[in-house]
């Protein structure tokens, strides 16, 4: 693919999914992973409790082996939560579950994007910590020059055939981070066209919570019996912590 896919020359860039992350990682010095419903929202909730979160791309027997290797608890699917396995990708379930100092959180999109960093710093962003993430980026000089470029990657969802389905909740989450970074740097952050449009999408939302509830992903979760997950994901700027991937796990930046 041509170098024009890198959005070169801009300090803040925006893309979709693992393939987009791989492209941006060729040049950026930091990747912000955004998977609002609900990998990065779950990471924010777990980190608030003091946990270290190990991303993992598959929920299968290899995940059990990886959790044992990491001496960590393993999160299960939303509908597989039990007394013996109370941790899951559900933010609401994580809030109710006993404290786990080390947690493996399987997520095909979020984990794959995190693994695409190619040496860049990796941050978990969502609506709950958008301003905190932007402040951390600005404080480290990310986004203000092309040499310190940041790539904000919306995870999106998957169609049944495996193709990427752009998801409005991730567009809003990415846009929230980008809009906050632009504001906190006094306009110094140079936005690519893609990043500028993502920020504009967030600013165009009159009610982020309602938009999440009305989105395809939100309606799917609500209809499946998980409305609290959508409500938690919509807690705009409720979390002051910035989960940074260090030593293979997300933990709160110091």
Protein backbone atom coordinates (compact mmCIF):
# COMPACT_ATOMS: atom_id res chain seq x y z
CA UNK A 1 0.00 0.00 0.00
CA UNK A 2 1.16 3.53 -0.75
CA UNK A 3 2.58 5.88 1.86
CA UNK A 4 -0.44 8.17 1.49
CA UNK A 5 -2.29 5.74 3.79
CA UNK A 6 0.03 6.84 6.61
CA UNK A 7 -1.58 10.32 6.75
CA UNK A 8 1.99 11.66 6.88
CA UNK A 9 2.74 15.22 7.90
CA UNK A 10 0.07 15.31 10.61
CA UNK A 11 0.51 14.96 14.35
CA UNK A 12 -2.89 13.33 14.92
CA UNK A 13 -4.18 10.57 12.65
CA UNK A 14 -7.27 8.38 12.66
CA UNK A 15 -7.95 4.92 11.27
CA UNK A 16 -10.17 1.87 11.65
CA UNK A 17 -9.43 -1.66 12.84
CA UNK A 18 -6.30 -3.83 12.98
CA UNK A 19 -5.37 -3.15 9.34
CA UNK A 20 -5.57 0.59 9.91
CA UNK A 21 -3.48 0.25 13.07
CA UNK A 22 -0.80 -1.64 11.15
CA UNK A 23 -0.59 1.17 8.61
CA UNK A 24 -0.38 3.99 11.16
CA UNK A 25 2.11 2.07 13.32
CA UNK A 26 4.66 2.40 10.52
CA UNK A 27 5.11 6.08 11.46
CA UNK A 28 3.34 7.07 14.68
CA UNK A 29 5.01 7.06 18.10
CA UNK A 30 1.80 6.30 20.03
CA UNK A 31 -1.37 4.33 19.29
CA UNK A 32 -4.65 4.98 21.11
CA UNK A 33 -6.94 1.95 20.92
CA UNK A 34 -10.67 2.80 21.12
CA UNK A 35 -13.19 -0.03 21.55
CA UNK A 36 -16.06 1.56 23.48
CA UNK A 37 -18.39 -1.48 23.57
CA UNK A 38 -16.45 -2.69 25.26
CA UNK A 39 -12.76 -3.68 25.42
CA UNK A 40 -11.25 -0.31 26.32
CA UNK A 41 -14.20 0.62 28.55
CA UNK A 42 -13.62 -2.65 30.41
CA UNK A 43 -9.91 -1.88 30.64
CA UNK A 44 -10.70 1.51 32.18
CA UNK A 45 -13.00 -0.09 34.77
CA UNK A 46 -10.47 -2.80 35.66
CA UNK A 47 -7.59 -0.32 35.93
CA UNK A 48 -9.70 1.85 38.24
CA UNK A 49 -9.76 -1.07 40.67
CA UNK A 50 -5.96 -1.30 40.54
CA UNK A 51 -5.76 -4.29 38.21
CA UNK A 52 -3.20 -4.95 35.50
CA UNK A 53 -4.98 -6.06 32.31
CA UNK A 54 -3.32 -8.41 29.82
CA UNK A 55 -4.93 -8.19 26.36
CA UNK A 56 -5.26 -11.47 24.48
CA UNK A 57 -6.66 -11.97 20.96
CA UNK A 58 -8.55 -15.27 21.39
CA UNK A 59 -11.12 -16.66 23.81
CA UNK A 60 -10.22 -20.36 23.59
CA UNK A 61 -8.07 -22.93 25.36
CA UNK A 62 -4.94 -20.94 24.60
CA UNK A 63 -6.41 -18.09 26.67
CA UNK A 64 -6.59 -20.40 29.69
CA UNK A 65 -2.96 -21.36 29.20
CA UNK A 66 -1.95 -17.72 28.79
CA UNK A 67 -3.80 -16.74 31.99
CA UNK A 68 -2.00 -19.47 33.90
CA UNK A 69 1.31 -18.32 32.46
CA UNK A 70 0.59 -14.75 33.56
CA UNK A 71 -0.70 -15.89 36.98
CA UNK A 72 -3.90 -13.98 36.17
CA UNK A 73 -7.64 -14.47 36.23
CA UNK A 74 -9.30 -15.03 32.86
CA UNK A 75 -12.29 -12.99 31.71
CA UNK A 76 -15.03 -15.06 30.07
CA UNK A 77 -17.85 -14.19 27.67
CA UNK A 78 -20.72 -12.07 28.98
CA UNK A 79 -23.10 -15.03 29.17
CA UNK A 80 -20.51 -17.34 30.72
CA UNK A 81 -20.17 -15.38 33.97
CA UNK A 82 -20.53 -17.56 37.06
CA UNK A 83 -19.54 -17.63 40.71
CA UNK A 84 -16.29 -19.33 39.74
CA UNK A 85 -15.66 -17.03 36.75
CA UNK A 86 -17.11 -13.59 37.62
CA UNK A 87 -14.85 -11.56 35.28
CA UNK A 88 -15.88 -10.83 31.71
CA UNK A 89 -15.65 -8.27 28.90
CA UNK A 90 -18.74 -6.68 30.48
CA UNK A 91 -17.82 -3.48 32.35
CA UNK A 92 -20.80 -4.02 34.67
CA UNK A 93 -19.64 -7.55 35.52
CA UNK A 94 -16.12 -6.28 36.21
CA UNK A 95 -17.50 -3.72 38.66
CA UNK A 96 -19.36 -6.44 40.54
CA UNK A 97 -16.58 -9.04 40.44
CA UNK A 98 -14.04 -9.53 43.22
CA UNK A 99 -10.80 -7.62 42.79
CA UNK A 100 -8.32 -9.39 40.52
CA UNK A 101 -4.84 -7.85 40.57
CA UNK A 102 -4.01 -9.49 37.23
CA UNK A 103 -6.64 -10.08 34.57
CA UNK A 104 -6.49 -11.53 31.06
CA UNK A 105 -9.08 -9.84 28.83
CA UNK A 106 -9.59 -11.63 25.48
CA UNK A 107 -10.65 -9.31 22.66
CA UNK A 108 -9.96 -9.98 18.97
CA UNK A 109 -10.10 -6.34 17.89
CA UNK A 110 -8.66 -4.48 20.88
CA UNK A 111 -5.87 -6.96 21.51
CA UNK A 112 -4.92 -7.23 17.84
CA UNK A 113 -4.73 -3.46 17.51
CA UNK A 114 -2.61 -3.27 20.67
CA UNK A 115 -0.23 -5.85 19.22
CA UNK A 116 0.18 -3.84 16.00
CA UNK A 117 2.05 -1.03 17.75
CA UNK A 118 5.47 -1.87 16.28
CA UNK A 119 7.29 -0.30 19.23
CA UNK A 120 4.92 2.65 19.66
CA UNK A 121 3.37 3.44 23.04
CA UNK A 122 -0.15 1.99 23.39
CA UNK A 123 -2.99 3.61 25.33
CA UNK A 124 -6.55 2.38 25.93
CA UNK A 125 -9.01 5.19 25.26
CA UNK A 126 -12.79 5.39 25.54
CA UNK A 127 -15.49 7.92 26.32
CA UNK A 128 -14.93 7.40 30.06
CA UNK A 129 -11.34 8.69 29.93
CA UNK A 130 -11.18 10.72 26.71
CA UNK A 131 -10.00 13.96 28.32
CA UNK A 132 -7.56 12.15 30.63
CA UNK A 133 -6.03 10.35 27.64
CA UNK A 134 -5.78 13.61 25.69
CA UNK A 135 -4.09 15.32 28.64
CA UNK A 136 -1.59 12.45 28.92
CA UNK A 137 -0.85 12.64 25.20
CA UNK A 138 -0.37 16.40 25.34
CA UNK A 139 1.82 16.09 28.42
CA UNK A 140 4.12 13.70 26.57
CA UNK A 141 4.23 15.84 23.44
CA UNK A 142 2.25 13.41 21.31
CA UNK A 143 0.26 14.86 18.44
CA UNK A 144 1.88 18.28 18.23
CA UNK A 145 4.38 17.35 15.49
CA UNK A 146 4.62 14.72 12.77
CA UNK A 147 7.72 13.37 14.55
CA UNK A 148 5.60 12.73 17.68
CA UNK A 149 2.52 11.57 15.81
CA UNK A 150 -0.32 9.75 17.54
CA UNK A 151 -2.64 7.34 15.76
CA UNK A 152 -6.14 7.02 17.18
CA UNK A 153 -7.65 3.71 16.06
CA UNK A 154 -11.37 2.93 16.28
CA UNK A 155 -11.71 -0.84 16.63
CA UNK A 156 -15.10 -1.21 14.98
CA UNK A 157 -17.05 -4.48 14.93
CA UNK A 158 -17.22 -7.44 12.54
CA UNK A 159 -19.81 -8.51 10.01
CA UNK A 160 -20.61 -12.25 9.92
CA UNK A 161 -18.19 -12.66 7.00
CA UNK A 162 -15.36 -11.21 9.09
CA UNK A 163 -15.28 -7.83 7.36
CA UNK A 164 -14.88 -4.66 9.40
CA UNK A 165 -18.10 -2.90 10.43
CA UNK A 166 -17.40 0.74 11.35
CA UNK A 167 -19.19 1.37 14.65
CA UNK A 168 -20.57 4.74 15.68
CA UNK A 169 -19.61 4.25 19.35
CA UNK A 170 -15.93 3.90 18.42
CA UNK A 171 -16.12 6.90 16.09
CA UNK A 172 -17.50 8.93 19.01
CA UNK A 173 -14.86 7.63 21.42
CA UNK A 174 -12.00 8.34 19.03
CA UNK A 175 -13.47 11.73 18.19
CA UNK A 176 -13.72 12.60 21.88
CA UNK A 177 -10.00 11.91 22.39
CA UNK A 178 -9.02 13.86 19.27
CA UNK A 179 -11.27 16.84 20.03
CA UNK A 180 -9.92 17.03 23.60
CA UNK A 181 -6.32 16.80 22.39
CA UNK A 182 -6.89 19.58 19.90
CA UNK A 183 -8.43 21.76 22.63
CA UNK A 184 -5.78 21.02 25.27
CA UNK A 185 -2.92 21.84 22.88
CA UNK A 186 -4.48 25.17 21.96
CA UNK A 187 -4.87 24.04 18.38
CA UNK A 188 -1.20 23.06 18.03
CA UNK A 189 -2.10 19.45 17.26
CA UNK A 190 -2.17 19.04 13.49
CA UNK A 191 -5.12 16.84 12.50
CA UNK A 192 -5.32 14.76 9.36
CA UNK A 193 -8.59 15.01 7.45
CA UNK A 194 -9.64 11.68 8.94
CA UNK A 195 -8.89 12.84 12.48
CA UNK A 196 -10.63 16.18 11.92
CA UNK A 197 -13.82 14.47 10.72
CA UNK A 198 -13.78 12.05 13.69
CA UNK A 199 -13.51 14.99 16.10
CA UNK A 200 -16.34 16.76 14.28
CA UNK A 201 -18.53 13.65 14.63
CA UNK A 202 -18.06 13.72 18.39
CA UNK A 203 -18.78 17.44 18.61
CA UNK A 204 -21.94 16.92 16.54
CA UNK A 205 -23.40 14.57 19.14
CA UNK A 206 -25.88 16.43 21.33
CA UNK A 207 -26.28 13.44 23.68
CA UNK A 208 -23.51 10.84 23.60
CA UNK A 209 -25.39 8.49 25.93
CA UNK A 210 -28.47 8.52 23.74
CA UNK A 211 -26.39 8.01 20.63
CA UNK A 212 -24.76 4.97 22.21
CA UNK A 213 -28.15 3.56 23.16
CA UNK A 214 -29.49 4.20 19.65
CA UNK A 215 -26.45 2.70 17.90
CA UNK A 216 -26.56 -0.78 16.41
CA UNK A 217 -24.07 -2.09 18.96
CA UNK A 218 -25.89 -0.41 21.84
CA UNK A 219 -29.25 -1.79 20.80
CA UNK A 220 -27.71 -5.24 20.44
CA UNK A 221 -26.35 -5.14 24.00
CA UNK A 222 -29.53 -3.69 25.46
CA UNK A 223 -31.66 -6.25 23.64
CA UNK A 224 -29.34 -8.98 24.89
CA UNK A 225 -29.86 -7.98 28.51
CA UNK A 226 -26.76 -5.82 29.08
CA UNK A 227 -28.05 -2.22 29.24
CA UNK A 228 -25.70 -1.38 32.12
CA UNK A 229 -22.70 -1.96 29.88
CA UNK A 230 -23.95 0.73 27.53
CA UNK A 231 -24.60 3.13 30.41
CA UNK A 232 -21.10 2.64 31.81
CA UNK A 233 -19.56 3.14 28.37
CA UNK A 234 -21.40 6.48 28.12
CA UNK A 235 -19.92 7.88 31.37
CA UNK A 236 -18.12 10.70 29.58
CA UNK A 237 -14.87 11.67 31.35
CA UNK A 238 -15.83 9.80 34.52
CA UNK A 239 -12.41 8.10 34.70
CA UNK A 240 -9.23 10.16 35.31
CA UNK A 241 -6.89 7.23 34.66
CA UNK A 242 -4.92 6.46 31.51
CA UNK A 243 -4.25 2.75 30.87
CA UNK A 244 -0.85 2.38 29.20
CA UNK A 245 0.47 -0.93 27.89
CA UNK A 246 3.62 -1.72 29.85
CA UNK A 247 5.25 -5.14 30.08
CA UNK A 248 2.37 -6.70 28.16
CA UNK A 249 -0.37 -5.34 30.43
CA UNK A 250 -2.45 -2.19 30.71
CA UNK A 251 -2.01 -0.35 33.99
CA UNK A 252 -2.67 3.19 35.13
CA UNK A 253 -0.04 5.68 33.97
CA UNK A 254 1.97 7.19 36.78
